[in-house]
C-alpha atoms as a PDB file:
ATOM      1  CA  MET A   1      41.134  95.816 140.436  1.00  0.00           C
ATOM      2  CA  ASN A   2      44.632  94.454 140.937  1.00  0.00           C
ATOM      3  CA  GLN A   3      47.365  95.120 137.871  1.00  0.00           C
ATOM      4  CA  MET A   4      51.053  95.340 137.357  1.00  0.00           C
ATOM      5  CA  ILE A   5      53.456  94.889 134.716  1.00  0.00           C
ATOM      6  CA  GLY A   6      55.024  91.989 135.203  1.00  0.00           C
ATOM      7  CA  GLN A   7      57.666  91.767 132.149  1.00  0.00           C
ATOM      8  CA  ILE A   8      59.480  94.107 129.784  1.00  0.00           C
ATOM      9  CA  THR A   9      60.507  93.501 126.651  1.00  0.00           C
ATOM     10  CA  LEU A  10      65.025  94.829 126.255  1.00  0.00           C
ATOM     11  CA  VAL A  11      65.574  93.915 122.558  1.00  0.00           C
ATOM     12  CA  VAL A  12      69.457  93.045 122.553  1.00  0.00           C
ATOM     13  CA  LYS A  13      71.755  91.915 119.870  1.00  0.00           C
ATOM     14  CA  ASP A  14      73.073  88.576 121.551  1.00  0.00           C
ATOM     15  CA  TYR A  15      71.576  86.966 124.654  1.00  0.00           C
ATOM     16  CA  ASP A  16      74.575  85.112 126.129  1.00  0.00           C
ATOM     17  CA  GLU A  17      76.235  88.800 126.245  1.00  0.00           C
ATOM     18  CA  ALA A  18      73.638  90.385 127.545  1.00  0.00           C
ATOM     19  CA  ILE A  19      72.992  87.732 130.150  1.00  0.00           C
ATOM     20  CA  ARG A  20      76.810  88.304 131.271  1.00  0.00           C
ATOM     21  CA  PHE A  21      76.162  92.049 131.532  1.00  0.00           C
ATOM     22  CA  TYR A  22      73.093  92.125 133.058  1.00  0.00           C
ATOM     23  CA  VAL A  23      73.909  88.551 135.554  1.00  0.00           C
ATOM     24  CA  ASP A  24      77.720  88.993 135.905  1.00  0.00           C
ATOM     25  CA  LYS A  25      77.811  92.612 135.929  1.00  0.00           C
ATOM     26  CA  LEU A  26      74.774  94.302 137.486  1.00  0.00           C
ATOM     27  CA  GLY A  27      74.337  90.890 139.531  1.00  0.00           C
ATOM     28  CA  PHE A  28      70.453  90.343 137.995  1.00  0.00           C
ATOM     29  CA  SER A  29      69.017  87.019 138.604  1.00  0.00           C
ATOM     30  CA  LEU A  30      68.671  84.916 135.566  1.00  0.00           C
ATOM     31  CA  LEU A  31      64.952  83.359 135.821  1.00  0.00           C
ATOM     32  CA  GLU A  32      64.562  81.427 132.594  1.00  0.00           C
ATOM     33  CA  ASP A  33      66.396  80.614 129.450  1.00  0.00           C
ATOM     34  CA  THR A  34      64.829  77.994 127.311  1.00  0.00           C
ATOM     35  CA  ARG A  35      65.698  77.557 123.762  1.00  0.00           C
ATOM     36  CA  MET A  36      62.184  78.255 121.453  1.00  0.00           C
ATOM     37  CA  SER A  37      63.914  77.758 118.587  1.00  0.00           C
ATOM     38  CA  ALA A  38      67.200  77.499 116.503  1.00  0.00           C
ATOM     39  CA  THR A  39      67.477  81.102 116.910  1.00  0.00           C
ATOM     40  CA  LYS A  40      64.933  82.215 119.407  1.00  0.00           C
ATOM     41  CA  ARG A  41      65.224  82.150 123.526  1.00  0.00           C
ATOM     42  CA  TRP A  42      62.982  82.719 126.443  1.00  0.00           C
ATOM     43  CA  VAL A  43      65.772  84.328 128.465  1.00  0.00           C
ATOM     44  CA  VAL A  44      64.002  86.328 131.575  1.00  0.00           C
ATOM     45  CA  ILE A  45      66.053  88.344 134.302  1.00  0.00           C
ATOM     46  CA  ARG A  46      64.951  90.008 137.341  1.00  0.00           C
ATOM     47  CA  PRO A  47      67.279  92.197 139.673  1.00  0.00           C
ATOM     48  CA  ALA A  48      68.754  91.514 142.849  1.00  0.00           C
ATOM     49  CA  GLY A  49      66.418  91.601 145.778  1.00  0.00           C
ATOM     50  CA  ASN A  50      62.437  91.781 146.293  1.00  0.00           C
ATOM     51  CA  GLY A  51      61.891  91.784 142.588  1.00  0.00           C
ATOM     52  CA  GLY A  52      60.113  93.902 140.742  1.00  0.00           C
ATOM     53  CA  CYS A  53      59.189  93.860 136.642  1.00  0.00           C
ATOM     54  CA  ASN A  54      61.024  90.997 135.013  1.00  0.00           C
ATOM     55  CA  LEU A  55      63.277  91.750 131.949  1.00  0.00           C
ATOM     56  CA  LEU A  56      62.568  88.806 128.885  1.00  0.00           C
ATOM     57  CA  LEU A  57      65.787  89.630 126.684  1.00  0.00           C
ATOM     58  CA  ALA A  58      64.667  89.684 122.812  1.00  0.00           C
ATOM     59  CA  LYS A  59      67.191  88.882 120.544  1.00  0.00           C
ATOM     60  CA  ALA A  60      66.686  91.618 117.514  1.00  0.00           C
ATOM     61  CA  ALA A  61      65.338  90.120 114.444  1.00  0.00           C
ATOM     62  CA  GLY A  62      65.969  92.057 111.145  1.00  0.00           C
ATOM     63  CA  GLU A  63      67.346  95.360 110.194  1.00  0.00           C
ATOM     64  CA  LYS A  64      64.086  97.321 112.319  1.00  0.00           C
ATOM     65  CA  GLN A  65      64.785  95.512 115.638  1.00  0.00           C
ATOM     66  CA  LEU A  66      68.532  95.756 115.556  1.00  0.00           C
ATOM     67  CA  ASN A  67      68.420  99.556 114.856  1.00  0.00           C
ATOM     68  CA  SER A  68      66.195  99.745 118.163  1.00  0.00           C
ATOM     69  CA  VAL A  69      68.706  98.227 120.231  1.00  0.00           C
ATOM     70  CA  GLY A  70      70.528 100.480 122.613  1.00  0.00           C
ATOM     71  CA  ASN A  71      67.743 103.497 121.923  1.00  0.00           C
ATOM     72  CA  GLN A  72      64.816 101.975 122.248  1.00  0.00           C
ATOM     73  CA  THR A  73      63.268 105.276 123.823  1.00  0.00           C
ATOM     74  CA  GLY A  74      64.882 107.902 121.474  1.00  0.00           C
ATOM     75  CA  GLY A  75      67.351 108.678 123.781  1.00  0.00           C
ATOM     76  CA  ARG A  76      65.459 109.335 126.679  1.00  0.00           C
ATOM     77  CA  VAL A  77      66.128 107.229 130.156  1.00  0.00           C
ATOM     78  CA  PHE A  78      64.563 104.030 129.354  1.00  0.00           C
ATOM     79  CA  LEU A  79      64.569 101.957 132.880  1.00  0.00           C
ATOM     80  CA  PHE A  80      64.687 102.631 136.792  1.00  0.00           C
ATOM     81  CA  LEU A  81      66.134 100.639 138.960  1.00  0.00           C
ATOM     82  CA  TYR A  82      65.474 101.200 142.900  1.00  0.00           C
ATOM     83  CA  THR A  83      67.964 100.324 145.615  1.00  0.00           C
ATOM     84  CA  ASP A  84      68.318 100.526 148.873  1.00  0.00           C
ATOM     85  CA  ASN A  85      72.020 101.470 148.727  1.00  0.00           C
ATOM     86  CA  ILE A  86      73.087 104.018 146.024  1.00  0.00           C
ATOM     87  CA  GLN A  87      76.083 104.311 147.313  1.00  0.00           C
ATOM     88  CA  ARG A  88      77.509 100.915 147.597  1.00  0.00           C
ATOM     89  CA  ASP A  89      75.923 100.114 143.773  1.00  0.00           C
ATOM     90  CA  HIS A  90      77.635 103.042 142.901  1.00  0.00           C
ATOM     91  CA  GLN A  91      80.618 101.897 143.842  1.00  0.00           C
ATOM     92  CA  LEU A  92      79.556  98.510 141.966  1.00  0.00           C
ATOM     93  CA  LEU A  93      78.970 100.075 138.791  1.00  0.00           C
ATOM     94  CA  ILE A  94      82.544 102.270 138.957  1.00  0.00           C
ATOM     95  CA  THR A  95      84.168  98.413 139.872  1.00  0.00           C
ATOM     96  CA  LYS A  96      82.450  96.764 136.707  1.00  0.00           C
ATOM     97  CA  GLU A  97      83.487  99.702 134.443  1.00  0.00           C
ATOM     98  CA  ILE A  98      79.745 100.622 133.811  1.00  0.00           C
ATOM     99  CA  ASP A  99      79.531 103.582 131.745  1.00  0.00           C
ATOM    100  CA  ILE A 100      77.996 106.857 134.550  1.00  0.00           C
ATOM    101  CA  VAL A 101      76.578 109.304 132.062  1.00  0.00           C
ATOM    102  CA  ARG A 102      75.339 111.644 135.227  1.00  0.00           C
ATOM    103  CA  GLU A 103      76.574 111.174 138.635  1.00  0.00           C
ATOM    104  CA  ILE A 104      74.838 110.672 141.885  1.00  0.00           C
ATOM    105  CA  SER A 105      73.030 114.112 142.369  1.00  0.00           C
ATOM    106  CA  GLU A 106      70.105 114.928 145.186  1.00  0.00           C
ATOM    107  CA  GLU A 107      66.462 114.875 144.115  1.00  0.00           C
ATOM    108  CA  VAL A 108      62.944 115.948 145.650  1.00  0.00           C
ATOM    109  CA  TYR A 109      62.054 112.393 145.396  1.00  0.00           C
ATOM    110  CA  GLY A 110      65.669 110.861 146.141  1.00  0.00           C
ATOM    111  CA  THR A 111      69.379 110.468 145.545  1.00  0.00           C
ATOM    112  CA  VAL A 112      69.918 109.467 141.658  1.00  0.00           C
ATOM    113  CA  LEU A 113      72.231 108.815 138.380  1.00  0.00           C
ATOM    114  CA  VAL A 114      72.230 107.737 135.158  1.00  0.00           C
ATOM    115  CA  PHE A 115      73.936 104.829 134.004  1.00  0.00           C
ATOM    116  CA  ALA A 116      74.595 103.144 130.129  1.00  0.00           C
ATOM    117  CA  ASP A 117      74.298  99.413 129.583  1.00  0.00           C
ATOM    118  CA  LEU A 118      76.040  97.323 127.298  1.00  0.00           C
ATOM    119  CA  TYR A 119      73.987  98.852 124.009  1.00  0.00           C
ATOM    120  CA  GLY A 120      73.560 102.408 125.577  1.00  0.00           C
ATOM    121  CA  ASN A 121      70.204 101.890 127.035  1.00  0.00           C
ATOM    122  CA  LEU A 122      70.006 104.844 130.169  1.00  0.00           C
ATOM    123  CA  TRP A 123      68.965 103.949 133.050  1.00  0.00           C
ATOM    124  CA  ASP A 124      67.815 106.005 136.398  1.00  0.00           C
ATOM    125  CA  LEU A 125      69.295 104.458 139.602  1.00  0.00           C
ATOM    126  CA  ILE A 126      66.971 105.575 142.294  1.00  0.00           C
ATOM    127  CA  GLN A 127      67.623 105.256 146.093  1.00  0.00           C
ATOM    128  CA  LEU A 128      63.823 106.997 147.114  1.00  0.00           C
ATOM    129  CA  LYS A 129      63.687 109.521 149.814  1.00  0.00           C
ATOM    130  CA  ASN A 130      62.026 107.425 153.346  1.00  0.00           C
END
């Protein structure tokens, strides 16, 4: 058996502001932006480099979904972004004025910091030990 998670939905307030954050600030690639209806788009992004799991940016529809924007995991770290150079990416976060919630620390599995996206979702940025 060979399985993998190919895509995760990230609920956002607005497609364009989310694209600006993830593509322009974090350097993700915009893989697709297709209009599905007057209010719905199919927007897929992915971190730079060798891929991994895609993110489907889904605009919140209704009050219940809007209330989950920025808190999809109840305040826990939501997504884990692996890097080959945490010092470089740490400097990029500072330069792009991205909120660093917890500065770099050494853990048994590697070097990690926590940052928040434009809605407050928490991300671990991790450089794994060799």
